[in-house]
Protein backbone atom coordinates (compact mmCIF):
# COMPACT_ATOMS: atom_id res chain seq x y z
CA UNK A 1 -32.95 57.61 -137.86
CA UNK A 2 -30.31 58.78 -140.33
CA UNK A 3 -29.57 56.62 -143.48
CA UNK A 4 -26.55 58.36 -144.43
CA UNK A 5 -23.77 60.21 -142.33
CA UNK A 6 -21.19 62.79 -142.99
CA UNK A 7 -18.42 60.24 -144.19
CA UNK A 8 -21.04 58.95 -146.91
CA UNK A 9 -21.57 62.52 -148.19
CA UNK A 10 -17.83 63.16 -148.17
CA UNK A 11 -17.09 60.04 -150.36
CA UNK A 12 -20.23 61.05 -152.72
CA UNK A 13 -19.14 64.65 -153.30
CA UNK A 14 -15.68 65.06 -151.83
CA UNK A 15 -14.56 66.69 -148.68
CA UNK A 16 -13.77 69.97 -150.23
CA UNK A 17 -17.19 70.28 -151.98
CA UNK A 18 -18.87 69.37 -148.81
CA UNK A 19 -17.10 72.04 -146.90
CA UNK A 20 -18.05 74.54 -149.61
CA UNK A 21 -21.81 73.46 -149.50
CA UNK A 22 -21.85 73.92 -145.76
CA UNK A 23 -20.61 77.37 -146.04
CA UNK A 24 -16.90 77.50 -145.68
CA UNK A 25 -15.34 79.31 -148.72
CA UNK A 26 -11.89 77.83 -148.16
CA UNK A 27 -13.21 74.36 -148.54
CA UNK A 28 -11.52 73.11 -145.31
CA UNK A 29 -14.14 72.97 -142.71
CA UNK A 30 -17.35 71.21 -142.76
CA UNK A 31 -20.23 72.56 -140.85
CA UNK A 32 -21.54 69.39 -139.23
CA UNK A 33 -24.70 71.21 -137.95
CA UNK A 34 -25.65 71.95 -141.58
CA UNK A 35 -24.96 68.47 -142.69
CA UNK A 36 -26.92 67.08 -139.78
CA UNK A 37 -29.83 69.28 -140.77
CA UNK A 38 -29.73 68.17 -144.26
CA UNK A 39 -29.52 64.46 -143.35
CA UNK A 40 -32.40 64.86 -141.13
CA UNK A 41 -34.62 66.58 -143.69
CA UNK A 42 -33.79 63.74 -146.17
CA UNK A 43 -34.68 61.09 -143.64
CA UNK A 44 -37.96 62.85 -142.87
CA UNK A 45 -38.97 63.13 -146.36
CA UNK A 46 -38.30 59.49 -146.98
CA UNK A 47 -40.17 58.49 -143.74
CA UNK A 48 -43.23 60.66 -144.62
CA UNK A 49 -43.62 59.20 -148.15
CA UNK A 50 -43.16 55.52 -146.90
CA UNK A 51 -45.12 55.77 -143.62
CA UNK A 52 -47.74 53.02 -143.55
CA UNK A 53 -46.10 51.01 -146.33
CA UNK A 54 -42.92 50.27 -144.60
CA UNK A 55 -42.06 50.20 -140.93
CA UNK A 56 -40.26 53.50 -140.76
CA UNK A 57 -37.85 54.78 -139.68
CA UNK A 58 -35.84 51.85 -141.32
CA UNK A 59 -33.41 49.89 -139.32
CA UNK A 60 -29.81 49.87 -140.43
CA UNK A 61 -28.45 48.66 -142.68
CA UNK A 62 -30.95 49.99 -145.12
CA UNK A 63 -31.71 48.77 -148.64
CA UNK A 64 -29.48 50.39 -151.23
CA UNK A 65 -32.52 52.17 -152.73
CA UNK A 66 -33.11 54.09 -149.52
CA UNK A 67 -29.34 54.64 -148.93
CA UNK A 68 -29.09 56.19 -152.40
CA UNK A 69 -32.31 58.38 -151.99
CA UNK A 70 -31.01 59.67 -148.77
CA UNK A 71 -27.76 60.68 -150.40
CA UNK A 72 -29.52 62.19 -153.29
CA UNK A 73 -31.99 64.24 -151.09
CA UNK A 74 -29.24 65.17 -148.58
CA UNK A 75 -26.99 66.61 -151.39
CA UNK A 76 -29.82 68.51 -152.80
CA UNK A 77 -30.66 70.05 -149.52
CA UNK A 78 -27.04 71.11 -149.00
CA UNK A 79 -27.16 72.82 -152.36
CA UNK A 80 -30.57 74.41 -151.55
CA UNK A 81 -29.16 75.83 -148.29
CA UNK A 82 -26.04 77.04 -149.89
CA UNK A 83 -27.59 78.35 -153.22
CA UNK A 84 -30.59 79.82 -151.71
CA UNK A 85 -29.84 83.40 -152.96
CA UNK A 86 -28.76 82.33 -156.47
CA UNK A 87 -29.59 79.48 -158.84
CA UNK A 88 -29.35 75.78 -157.90
CA UNK A 89 -27.53 73.76 -160.66
CA UNK A 90 -30.05 71.81 -162.85
CA UNK A 91 -28.39 68.48 -162.23
CA UNK A 92 -29.16 68.92 -158.41
CA UNK A 93 -32.69 69.91 -159.21
CA UNK A 94 -33.01 66.81 -161.30
CA UNK A 95 -31.47 64.59 -158.70
CA UNK A 96 -34.01 65.66 -156.21
CA UNK A 97 -37.00 65.34 -158.48
CA UNK A 98 -35.68 61.79 -159.61
CA UNK A 99 -35.54 60.84 -155.79
CA UNK A 100 -38.89 62.18 -155.20
CA UNK A 101 -40.26 60.21 -158.28
CA UNK A 102 -38.72 57.06 -156.89
CA UNK A 103 -40.26 57.74 -153.55
CA UNK A 104 -43.74 57.94 -155.20
CA UNK A 105 -42.93 54.79 -157.10
CA UNK A 106 -42.05 53.04 -153.68
CA UNK A 107 -45.32 54.60 -152.13
CA UNK A 108 -47.55 53.21 -154.97
CA UNK A 109 -45.90 49.82 -154.78
CA UNK A 110 -44.31 50.08 -158.24
CA UNK A 111 -41.04 49.34 -156.57
CA UNK A 112 -40.82 47.08 -153.66
CA UNK A 113 -37.84 47.15 -151.05
CA UNK A 114 -36.55 43.70 -149.84
CA UNK A 115 -35.86 44.95 -146.43
CA UNK A 116 -38.29 46.10 -143.66
CA UNK A 117 -41.58 45.68 -145.44
CA UNK A 118 -44.73 46.17 -143.19
CA UNK A 119 -46.29 42.76 -142.37
CA UNK A 120 -49.58 43.74 -143.99
CA UNK A 121 -48.00 45.27 -147.09
CA UNK A 122 -47.87 43.48 -150.57
CA UNK A 123 -45.78 40.39 -150.82
CA UNK A 124 -44.69 40.73 -154.33
CA UNK A 125 -41.57 41.96 -155.86
CA UNK A 126 -41.49 44.04 -159.09
CA UNK A 127 -38.78 42.91 -161.44
CA UNK A 128 -40.17 45.27 -164.28
CA UNK A 129 -43.69 46.52 -165.19
CA UNK A 130 -44.28 43.27 -167.28
CA UNK A 131 -43.14 40.52 -164.81
CA UNK A 132 -44.20 40.44 -161.26
CA UNK A 133 -43.42 37.29 -159.06
CA UNK A 134 -45.00 36.15 -155.96
CA UNK A 135 -42.75 36.29 -152.79
CA UNK A 136 -43.24 32.48 -152.40
CA UNK A 137 -41.60 31.92 -155.75
CA UNK A 138 -38.21 33.03 -154.16
CA UNK A 139 -38.68 30.75 -151.31
CA UNK A 140 -38.91 27.73 -153.78
CA UNK A 141 -35.66 28.63 -155.53
């Protein structure tokens, strides 16, 4: 299951940059196969970190956190493919590392998604590290 699509990526980085990152030096034609591979790689990484904590693959529409993680990872994969023989820009490396850090936080339960939790997973929502509320509290509101 893919959590983003080529249109999402085009909005995120622009159609010309997307074409560049998929190998077209003119910036006009997007290599859809390369985009699909990057999207699949990002989705697989997300699913591997969250397997057993959430029912993955997620059902669309996904939580905004998963959507943004998928965008960040997909963009970083596209840069890795295109810049494999040179240097990947530092902001792209930081973007990927930040996404992986967030996946680890999700895996550890430091961040809880509101959509698609496993039935046997924790039933708390982390607002910040000092205030945890019980899921039933939200039902009473």
